[in-house]
Amino acid sequence: MTAGGAGDQFGPGQQWPGQPGQGQPPYGPPPPPYGPPPPHYGPPPPGHYWGPGYGQPGPYAPYGRRTNSLAVAALCCGIGQCVAGPLAGIAAIILGPMALSQIRQSGEDGRGMAIAGLILGVAGLILSVILLVVFLAIVHHVTSQFPPAPG
């Protein structure tokens, strides 16, 4: 026997239960009955499972394209005009087409965010103008109903 290796329970030529060749699918060895196997220092023994959780990292996620920062800013300004007012909507209207232009040239992600920011900016600006006209109409109506007292 060696110094506590995971394969010490089996003699030479024996396989872990569940190894290929015994009529079972090749899913790797089960853990020993008394906890996880000791850490591996060096290559695993032949026929040993080598993968995530056993000393080798899993597959890395593929690199994606970057998201255009102006598109993110346009969307934030389009949403933020609910709090900051129509000035943020104007910024969204300016940043949206700039982001779309950069996205066409660079191939970055964020086209949907740029379009959404532009639409929200235009909708917010139109709503602000409508509210301003309604407010001015109400003020004009109220002041025409009650003329100022002669002084």
N, C-alpha and C. Protein backbone atom coordinates (compact mmCIF):
# COMPACT_ATOMS: atom_id res chain seq x y z
N MET A 1 0.83 -1.19 0.00
CA MET A 1 0.00 0.00 0.00
C MET A 1 0.88 1.24 0.00
N THR A 2 0.37 2.27 -0.66
CA THR A 2 1.09 3.54 -0.69
C THR A 2 0.55 4.46 0.38
N ALA A 3 0.94 5.71 0.34
CA ALA A 3 0.58 6.67 1.39
C ALA A 3 -0.84 7.21 1.21
N GLY A 4 -1.82 6.38 1.24
CA GLY A 4 -3.21 6.84 1.27
C GLY A 4 -3.79 7.21 -0.07
N GLY A 5 -3.32 6.64 -1.17
CA GLY A 5 -3.88 6.95 -2.48
C GLY A 5 -5.28 6.40 -2.62
N ALA A 6 -6.05 6.97 -3.53
CA ALA A 6 -7.44 6.56 -3.69
C ALA A 6 -7.55 5.18 -4.30
N GLY A 7 -6.54 4.71 -5.02
CA GLY A 7 -6.61 3.41 -5.66
C GLY A 7 -6.11 2.28 -4.79
N ASP A 8 -5.83 2.52 -3.51
CA ASP A 8 -5.28 1.49 -2.64
C ASP A 8 -6.29 0.41 -2.29
N GLN A 9 -7.57 0.64 -2.50
CA GLN A 9 -8.57 -0.33 -2.13
C GLN A 9 -8.61 -1.49 -3.12
N PHE A 10 -8.04 -1.30 -4.30
CA PHE A 10 -8.11 -2.31 -5.34
C PHE A 10 -6.71 -2.78 -5.68
N GLY A 11 -6.62 -4.00 -6.06
CA GLY A 11 -5.33 -4.57 -6.44
C GLY A 11 -4.94 -4.18 -7.86
N PRO A 12 -3.74 -4.60 -8.31
CA PRO A 12 -3.31 -4.28 -9.66
C PRO A 12 -4.26 -4.89 -10.69
N GLY A 13 -4.59 -4.12 -11.68
CA GLY A 13 -5.45 -4.59 -12.75
C GLY A 13 -6.93 -4.50 -12.45
N GLN A 14 -7.30 -4.20 -11.22
CA GLN A 14 -8.71 -4.06 -10.90
C GLN A 14 -9.15 -2.64 -11.24
N GLN A 15 -10.43 -2.51 -11.53
CA GLN A 15 -10.98 -1.20 -11.89
C GLN A 15 -11.98 -0.76 -10.84
N TRP A 16 -12.21 0.55 -10.84
CA TRP A 16 -13.27 1.08 -9.99
C TRP A 16 -14.59 0.51 -10.46
N PRO A 17 -15.55 0.35 -9.58
CA PRO A 17 -16.89 -0.04 -10.04
C PRO A 17 -17.46 1.05 -10.95
N GLY A 18 -18.03 0.67 -12.04
CA GLY A 18 -18.60 1.65 -12.96
C GLY A 18 -17.67 2.03 -14.08
N GLN A 19 -16.46 1.46 -14.14
CA GLN A 19 -15.53 1.75 -15.22
C GLN A 19 -16.00 1.04 -16.49
N PRO A 20 -15.61 1.56 -17.67
CA PRO A 20 -15.97 0.87 -18.90
C PRO A 20 -15.36 -0.53 -18.90
N GLY A 21 -16.00 -1.44 -19.54
CA GLY A 21 -15.49 -2.80 -19.59
C GLY A 21 -16.25 -3.71 -18.64
N GLN A 22 -17.05 -3.17 -17.76
CA GLN A 22 -17.84 -3.99 -16.84
C GLN A 22 -19.33 -3.87 -17.16
N GLY A 23 -19.64 -3.38 -18.37
CA GLY A 23 -21.03 -3.28 -18.78
C GLY A 23 -21.74 -2.06 -18.22
N GLN A 24 -21.01 -1.08 -17.69
CA GLN A 24 -21.63 0.12 -17.15
C GLN A 24 -21.13 1.34 -17.93
N PRO A 25 -21.90 2.43 -17.94
CA PRO A 25 -21.48 3.61 -18.71
C PRO A 25 -20.22 4.25 -18.12
N PRO A 26 -19.42 4.92 -18.95
CA PRO A 26 -18.13 5.49 -18.50
C PRO A 26 -18.30 6.84 -17.80
N TYR A 27 -18.82 6.85 -16.59
CA TYR A 27 -19.03 8.09 -15.87
C TYR A 27 -17.93 8.41 -14.87
N GLY A 28 -16.92 7.64 -14.77
CA GLY A 28 -15.87 7.91 -13.81
C GLY A 28 -16.11 7.19 -12.51
N PRO A 29 -15.13 7.26 -11.64
CA PRO A 29 -15.23 6.48 -10.41
C PRO A 29 -16.16 7.13 -9.40
N PRO A 30 -16.79 6.31 -8.58
CA PRO A 30 -17.56 6.89 -7.49
C PRO A 30 -16.60 7.33 -6.39
N PRO A 31 -17.04 8.21 -5.52
CA PRO A 31 -16.16 8.61 -4.42
C PRO A 31 -15.94 7.44 -3.47
N PRO A 32 -14.81 7.43 -2.79
CA PRO A 32 -14.58 6.38 -1.80
C PRO A 32 -15.65 6.41 -0.72
N PRO A 33 -15.84 5.32 0.00
CA PRO A 33 -16.94 5.28 0.95
C PRO A 33 -16.77 6.21 2.15
N TYR A 34 -15.56 6.68 2.43
CA TYR A 34 -15.35 7.51 3.61
C TYR A 34 -14.93 8.92 3.24
N GLY A 35 -15.67 9.58 2.37
CA GLY A 35 -15.39 10.96 2.02
C GLY A 35 -14.73 11.09 0.66
N PRO A 36 -14.40 12.32 0.29
CA PRO A 36 -13.81 12.54 -1.04
C PRO A 36 -12.38 12.02 -1.10
N PRO A 37 -11.89 11.76 -2.32
CA PRO A 37 -10.52 11.26 -2.45
C PRO A 37 -9.52 12.35 -2.07
N PRO A 38 -8.31 11.98 -1.72
CA PRO A 38 -7.30 12.99 -1.40
C PRO A 38 -6.95 13.79 -2.64
N PRO A 39 -6.40 14.99 -2.48
CA PRO A 39 -6.06 15.81 -3.64
C PRO A 39 -4.98 15.13 -4.47
N HIS A 40 -5.03 15.37 -5.77
CA HIS A 40 -4.06 14.79 -6.70
C HIS A 40 -2.87 15.72 -6.83
N TYR A 41 -1.71 15.15 -6.77
CA TYR A 41 -0.48 15.89 -7.02
C TYR A 41 0.18 15.21 -8.20
N GLY A 42 0.01 15.79 -9.37
CA GLY A 42 0.55 15.18 -10.57
C GLY A 42 -0.56 14.56 -11.38
N PRO A 43 -0.21 13.79 -12.39
CA PRO A 43 -1.24 13.22 -13.26
C PRO A 43 -2.05 12.16 -12.52
N PRO A 44 -3.31 12.00 -12.92
CA PRO A 44 -4.14 10.99 -12.26
C PRO A 44 -3.72 9.60 -12.69
N PRO A 45 -4.09 8.58 -11.92
CA PRO A 45 -3.76 7.21 -12.31
C PRO A 45 -4.52 6.84 -13.59
N PRO A 46 -4.03 5.87 -14.34
CA PRO A 46 -4.70 5.48 -15.58
C PRO A 46 -6.14 5.06 -15.31
N GLY A 47 -7.03 5.48 -16.17
CA GLY A 47 -8.44 5.14 -16.03
C GLY A 47 -9.17 5.97 -15.00
N HIS A 48 -8.50 6.95 -14.39
CA HIS A 48 -9.13 7.79 -13.38
C HIS A 48 -9.84 8.95 -14.07
N TYR A 49 -10.96 9.34 -13.50
CA TYR A 49 -11.71 10.46 -14.04
C TYR A 49 -10.91 11.74 -13.86
N TRP A 50 -10.81 12.53 -14.92
CA TRP A 50 -10.06 13.79 -14.89
C TRP A 50 -10.97 14.86 -15.46
N GLY A 51 -11.43 15.72 -14.62
CA GLY A 51 -12.35 16.76 -15.09
C GLY A 51 -12.65 17.73 -13.97
N PRO A 52 -13.70 18.55 -14.14
CA PRO A 52 -14.03 19.56 -13.13
C PRO A 52 -14.25 18.92 -11.76
N GLY A 53 -13.65 19.47 -10.76
CA GLY A 53 -13.78 18.94 -9.41
C GLY A 53 -12.71 17.93 -9.05
N TYR A 54 -11.92 17.50 -10.00
CA TYR A 54 -10.87 16.54 -9.75
C TYR A 54 -9.52 17.08 -10.19
N GLY A 55 -9.29 18.36 -10.02
CA GLY A 55 -7.98 18.92 -10.30
C GLY A 55 -7.86 19.65 -11.61
N GLN A 56 -8.85 19.55 -12.47
CA GLN A 56 -8.77 20.24 -13.75
C GLN A 56 -9.99 21.16 -13.87
N PRO A 57 -9.77 22.41 -14.26
CA PRO A 57 -10.91 23.32 -14.37
C PRO A 57 -11.81 22.91 -15.53
N GLY A 58 -13.06 23.29 -15.43
CA GLY A 58 -14.01 23.00 -16.50
C GLY A 58 -13.78 23.89 -17.70
N PRO A 59 -14.57 23.73 -18.71
CA PRO A 59 -14.40 24.56 -19.91
C PRO A 59 -14.75 26.01 -19.61
N TYR A 60 -13.99 26.90 -20.18
CA TYR A 60 -14.24 28.32 -19.99
C TYR A 60 -15.33 28.78 -20.94
N ALA A 61 -16.06 29.78 -20.53
CA ALA A 61 -17.10 30.34 -21.39
C ALA A 61 -16.43 31.08 -22.55
N PRO A 62 -16.98 30.98 -23.74
CA PRO A 62 -16.37 31.68 -24.86
C PRO A 62 -16.48 33.18 -24.70
N TYR A 63 -15.51 33.88 -25.23
CA TYR A 63 -15.53 35.33 -25.17
C TYR A 63 -16.68 35.86 -26.01
N GLY A 64 -17.44 36.76 -25.47
CA GLY A 64 -18.51 37.40 -26.22
C GLY A 64 -18.06 38.76 -26.71
N ARG A 65 -18.89 39.35 -27.51
CA ARG A 65 -18.57 40.70 -27.98
C ARG A 65 -18.84 41.69 -26.87
N ARG A 66 -18.13 42.81 -26.90
CA ARG A 66 -18.35 43.87 -25.92
C ARG A 66 -19.66 44.58 -26.21
N THR A 67 -20.26 45.12 -25.17
CA THR A 67 -21.45 45.93 -25.32
C THR A 67 -21.02 47.39 -25.42
N ASN A 68 -21.58 48.10 -26.36
CA ASN A 68 -21.21 49.49 -26.57
C ASN A 68 -21.64 50.32 -25.37
N SER A 69 -20.71 51.10 -24.85
CA SER A 69 -20.99 51.87 -23.64
C SER A 69 -21.95 53.03 -23.90
N LEU A 70 -21.94 53.58 -25.11
CA LEU A 70 -22.90 54.64 -25.42
C LEU A 70 -24.33 54.09 -25.48
N ALA A 71 -24.46 52.83 -25.89
CA ALA A 71 -25.79 52.21 -25.91
C ALA A 71 -26.32 52.06 -24.48
N VAL A 72 -25.43 51.65 -23.59
CA VAL A 72 -25.84 51.52 -22.18
C VAL A 72 -26.22 52.89 -21.62
N ALA A 73 -25.43 53.91 -21.95
CA ALA A 73 -25.72 55.26 -21.48
C ALA A 73 -27.03 55.78 -22.05
N ALA A 74 -27.31 55.48 -23.32
CA ALA A 74 -28.57 55.93 -23.93
C ALA A 74 -29.76 55.28 -23.23
N LEU A 75 -29.64 53.99 -22.95
CA LEU A 75 -30.74 53.31 -22.26
C LEU A 75 -30.92 53.85 -20.84
N CYS A 76 -29.82 54.09 -20.15
CA CYS A 76 -29.91 54.64 -18.79
C CYS A 76 -30.54 56.03 -18.79
N CYS A 77 -30.17 56.84 -19.76
CA CYS A 77 -30.76 58.18 -19.84
C CYS A 77 -32.23 58.11 -20.22
N GLY A 78 -32.58 57.18 -21.11
CA GLY A 78 -33.99 57.02 -21.49
C GLY A 78 -34.84 56.60 -20.32
N ILE A 79 -34.32 55.69 -19.50
CA ILE A 79 -35.07 55.27 -18.31
C ILE A 79 -35.00 56.35 -17.23
N GLY A 80 -33.85 56.98 -17.10
CA GLY A 80 -33.64 57.96 -16.03
C GLY A 80 -34.40 59.25 -16.18
N GLN A 81 -35.00 59.49 -17.35
CA GLN A 81 -35.74 60.73 -17.50
C GLN A 81 -37.00 60.74 -16.65
N CYS A 82 -37.42 59.58 -16.16
CA CYS A 82 -38.55 59.54 -15.22
C CYS A 82 -38.18 60.27 -13.94
N VAL A 83 -36.90 60.24 -13.57
CA VAL A 83 -36.43 60.88 -12.35
C VAL A 83 -35.80 62.24 -12.66
N ALA A 84 -34.97 62.28 -13.70
CA ALA A 84 -34.17 63.48 -13.98
C ALA A 84 -34.87 64.48 -14.88
N GLY A 85 -35.96 64.10 -15.50
CA GLY A 85 -36.69 65.04 -16.35
C GLY A 85 -36.27 64.95 -17.81
N PRO A 86 -36.78 65.88 -18.62
CA PRO A 86 -36.58 65.80 -20.06
C PRO A 86 -35.14 66.02 -20.50
N LEU A 87 -34.29 66.56 -19.66
CA LEU A 87 -32.89 66.72 -20.07
C LEU A 87 -32.21 65.37 -20.28
N ALA A 88 -32.56 64.39 -19.48
CA ALA A 88 -32.01 63.05 -19.68
C ALA A 88 -32.55 62.45 -20.96
N GLY A 89 -33.78 62.76 -21.32
CA GLY A 89 -34.34 62.28 -22.59
C GLY A 89 -33.62 62.88 -23.78
N ILE A 90 -33.23 64.13 -23.68
CA ILE A 90 -32.46 64.76 -24.76
C ILE A 90 -31.11 64.07 -24.89
N ALA A 91 -30.49 63.76 -23.77
CA ALA A 91 -29.22 63.03 -23.82
C ALA A 91 -29.40 61.66 -24.46
N ALA A 92 -30.52 60.97 -24.17
CA ALA A 92 -30.78 59.67 -24.78
C ALA A 92 -30.98 59.80 -26.29
N ILE A 93 -31.63 60.87 -26.72
CA ILE A 93 -31.84 61.09 -28.15
C ILE A 93 -30.52 61.36 -28.85
N ILE A 94 -29.59 61.98 -28.19
CA ILE A 94 -28.27 62.25 -28.79
C ILE A 94 -27.40 61.00 -28.75
N LEU A 95 -27.39 60.29 -27.63
CA LEU A 95 -26.51 59.13 -27.47
C LEU A 95 -26.95 57.92 -28.28
N GLY A 96 -28.26 57.75 -28.52
CA GLY A 96 -28.76 56.59 -29.25
C GLY A 96 -28.19 56.47 -30.66
N PRO A 97 -28.33 57.52 -31.51
CA PRO A 97 -27.76 57.42 -32.85
C PRO A 97 -26.23 57.33 -32.86
N MET A 98 -25.58 57.99 -31.89
CA MET A 98 -24.12 57.87 -31.81
C MET A 98 -23.72 56.41 -31.54
N ALA A 99 -24.46 55.76 -30.64
CA ALA A 99 -24.17 54.36 -30.33
C ALA A 99 -24.45 53.47 -31.53
N LEU A 100 -25.55 53.72 -32.25
CA LEU A 100 -25.85 52.91 -33.43
C LEU A 100 -24.77 53.04 -34.48
N SER A 101 -24.24 54.25 -34.65
CA SER A 101 -23.16 54.46 -35.61
C SER A 101 -21.91 53.69 -35.20
N GLN A 102 -21.55 53.77 -33.94
CA GLN A 102 -20.37 53.03 -33.46
C GLN A 102 -20.56 51.53 -33.57
N ILE A 103 -21.77 51.05 -33.31
CA ILE A 103 -22.05 49.62 -33.38
C ILE A 103 -21.92 49.13 -34.82
N ARG A 104 -22.38 49.92 -35.77
CA ARG A 104 -22.24 49.54 -37.18
C ARG A 104 -20.77 49.43 -37.58
N GLN A 105 -19.94 50.34 -37.06
CA GLN A 105 -18.52 50.33 -37.43
C GLN A 105 -17.73 49.25 -36.71
N SER A 106 -18.01 49.04 -35.43
CA SER A 106 -17.17 48.14 -34.63
C SER A 106 -17.73 46.73 -34.50
N GLY A 107 -19.02 46.53 -34.73
CA GLY A 107 -19.61 45.20 -34.57
C GLY A 107 -19.88 44.84 -33.13
N GLU A 108 -19.94 45.81 -32.23
CA GLU A 108 -20.20 45.53 -30.82
C GLU A 108 -21.67 45.17 -30.62
N ASP A 109 -21.97 44.66 -29.44
CA ASP A 109 -23.35 44.41 -29.04
C ASP A 109 -23.97 45.69 -28.50
N GLY A 110 -25.29 45.70 -28.33
CA GLY A 110 -25.95 46.83 -27.71
C GLY A 110 -26.89 47.57 -28.64
N ARG A 111 -27.14 47.01 -29.82
CA ARG A 111 -28.01 47.71 -30.78
C ARG A 111 -29.41 47.89 -30.19
N GLY A 112 -29.93 46.85 -29.55
CA GLY A 112 -31.27 46.95 -28.95
C GLY A 112 -31.33 47.97 -27.83
N MET A 113 -30.26 48.06 -27.05
CA MET A 113 -30.24 49.06 -25.97
C MET A 113 -30.22 50.47 -26.54
N ALA A 114 -29.46 50.67 -27.62
CA ALA A 114 -29.38 51.99 -28.24
C ALA A 114 -30.74 52.39 -28.81
N ILE A 115 -31.41 51.45 -29.47
CA ILE A 115 -32.73 51.74 -30.03
C ILE A 115 -33.74 52.00 -28.92
N ALA A 116 -33.69 51.20 -27.87
CA ALA A 116 -34.62 51.40 -26.74
C ALA A 116 -34.38 52.75 -26.08
N GLY A 117 -33.12 53.13 -25.89
CA GLY A 117 -32.83 54.44 -25.31
C GLY A 117 -33.33 55.57 -26.18
N LEU A 118 -33.15 55.44 -27.50
CA LEU A 118 -33.63 56.46 -28.44
C LEU A 118 -35.15 56.56 -28.40
N ILE A 119 -35.84 55.43 -28.42
CA ILE A 119 -37.31 55.44 -28.38
C ILE A 119 -37.81 56.03 -27.07
N LEU A 120 -37.20 55.62 -25.95
CA LEU A 120 -37.62 56.17 -24.66
C LEU A 120 -37.36 57.67 -24.58
N GLY A 121 -36.24 58.11 -25.14
CA GLY A 121 -35.94 59.54 -25.14
C GLY A 121 -36.94 60.34 -25.94
N VAL A 122 -37.29 59.84 -27.15
CA VAL A 122 -38.27 60.54 -27.99
C VAL A 122 -39.64 60.52 -27.32
N ALA A 123 -40.04 59.36 -26.79
CA ALA A 123 -41.35 59.27 -26.13
C ALA A 123 -41.41 60.18 -24.91
N GLY A 124 -40.35 60.22 -24.15
CA GLY A 124 -40.34 61.10 -22.97
C GLY A 124 -40.37 62.57 -23.34
N LEU A 125 -39.67 62.93 -24.40
CA LEU A 125 -39.68 64.33 -24.83
C LEU A 125 -41.05 64.73 -25.37
N ILE A 126 -41.69 63.85 -26.15
CA ILE A 126 -43.03 64.14 -26.65
C ILE A 126 -44.01 64.26 -25.49
N LEU A 127 -43.91 63.36 -24.52
CA LEU A 127 -44.78 63.42 -23.34
C LEU A 127 -44.55 64.71 -22.55
N SER A 128 -43.30 65.13 -22.44
CA SER A 128 -43.00 66.38 -21.73
C SER A 128 -43.61 67.57 -22.44
N VAL A 129 -43.52 67.60 -23.77
CA VAL A 129 -44.11 68.71 -24.53
C VAL A 129 -45.62 68.71 -24.38
N ILE A 130 -46.24 67.52 -24.45
CA ILE A 130 -47.69 67.44 -24.28
C ILE A 130 -48.10 67.92 -22.90
N LEU A 131 -47.38 67.50 -21.87
CA LEU A 131 -47.70 67.94 -20.51
C LEU A 131 -47.51 69.44 -20.35
N LEU A 132 -46.49 70.01 -21.00
CA LEU A 132 -46.27 71.45 -20.93
C LEU A 132 -47.41 72.20 -21.61
N VAL A 133 -47.86 71.72 -22.77
CA VAL A 133 -48.98 72.37 -23.47
C VAL A 133 -50.25 72.28 -22.64
N VAL A 134 -50.52 71.11 -22.05
CA VAL A 134 -51.71 70.96 -21.21
C VAL A 134 -51.63 71.88 -20.00
N PHE A 135 -50.47 71.97 -19.38
CA PHE A 135 -50.30 72.84 -18.23
C PHE A 135 -50.53 74.30 -18.62
N LEU A 136 -49.96 74.74 -19.75
CA LEU A 136 -50.16 76.13 -20.20
C LEU A 136 -51.62 76.39 -20.56
N ALA A 137 -52.32 75.39 -21.15
CA ALA A 137 -53.73 75.56 -21.48
C ALA A 137 -54.56 75.70 -20.21
N ILE A 138 -54.23 74.92 -19.18
CA ILE A 138 -54.98 75.02 -17.92
C ILE A 138 -54.73 76.38 -17.28
N VAL A 139 -53.49 76.83 -17.28
CA VAL A 139 -53.18 78.14 -16.69
C VAL A 139 -53.90 79.25 -17.46
N HIS A 140 -53.92 79.16 -18.79
CA HIS A 140 -54.60 80.19 -19.59
C HIS A 140 -56.09 80.16 -19.33
N HIS A 141 -56.67 78.97 -19.20
CA HIS A 141 -58.11 78.85 -18.94
C HIS A 141 -58.46 79.45 -17.58
N VAL A 142 -57.67 79.14 -16.59
CA VAL A 142 -57.95 79.63 -15.23
C VAL A 142 -57.80 81.15 -15.20
N THR A 143 -56.79 81.69 -15.83
CA THR A 143 -56.59 83.15 -15.77
C THR A 143 -57.62 83.89 -16.62
N SER A 144 -58.16 83.26 -17.66
CA SER A 144 -59.19 83.95 -18.46
C SER A 144 -60.55 83.89 -17.77
N GLN A 145 -60.80 82.91 -16.95
CA GLN A 145 -62.06 82.80 -16.21
C GLN A 145 -62.15 83.83 -15.10
N PHE A 146 -61.05 84.10 -14.50
CA PHE A 146 -61.01 85.04 -13.37
C PHE A 146 -60.06 86.17 -13.73
N PRO A 147 -60.55 87.20 -14.38
CA PRO A 147 -59.65 88.30 -14.73
C PRO A 147 -59.17 89.01 -13.47
N PRO A 148 -58.05 89.64 -13.57
CA PRO A 148 -57.53 90.33 -12.40
C PRO A 148 -58.45 91.49 -11.99
N ALA A 149 -58.50 91.73 -10.72
CA ALA A 149 -59.35 92.81 -10.20
C ALA A 149 -58.76 94.15 -10.64
N PRO A 150 -59.66 95.09 -11.02
CA PRO A 150 -59.12 96.41 -11.40
C PRO A 150 -58.47 97.06 -10.19
N GLY A 151 -57.37 97.64 -10.48
CA GLY A 151 -56.60 98.12 -9.38
C GLY A 151 -56.55 99.51 -9.16
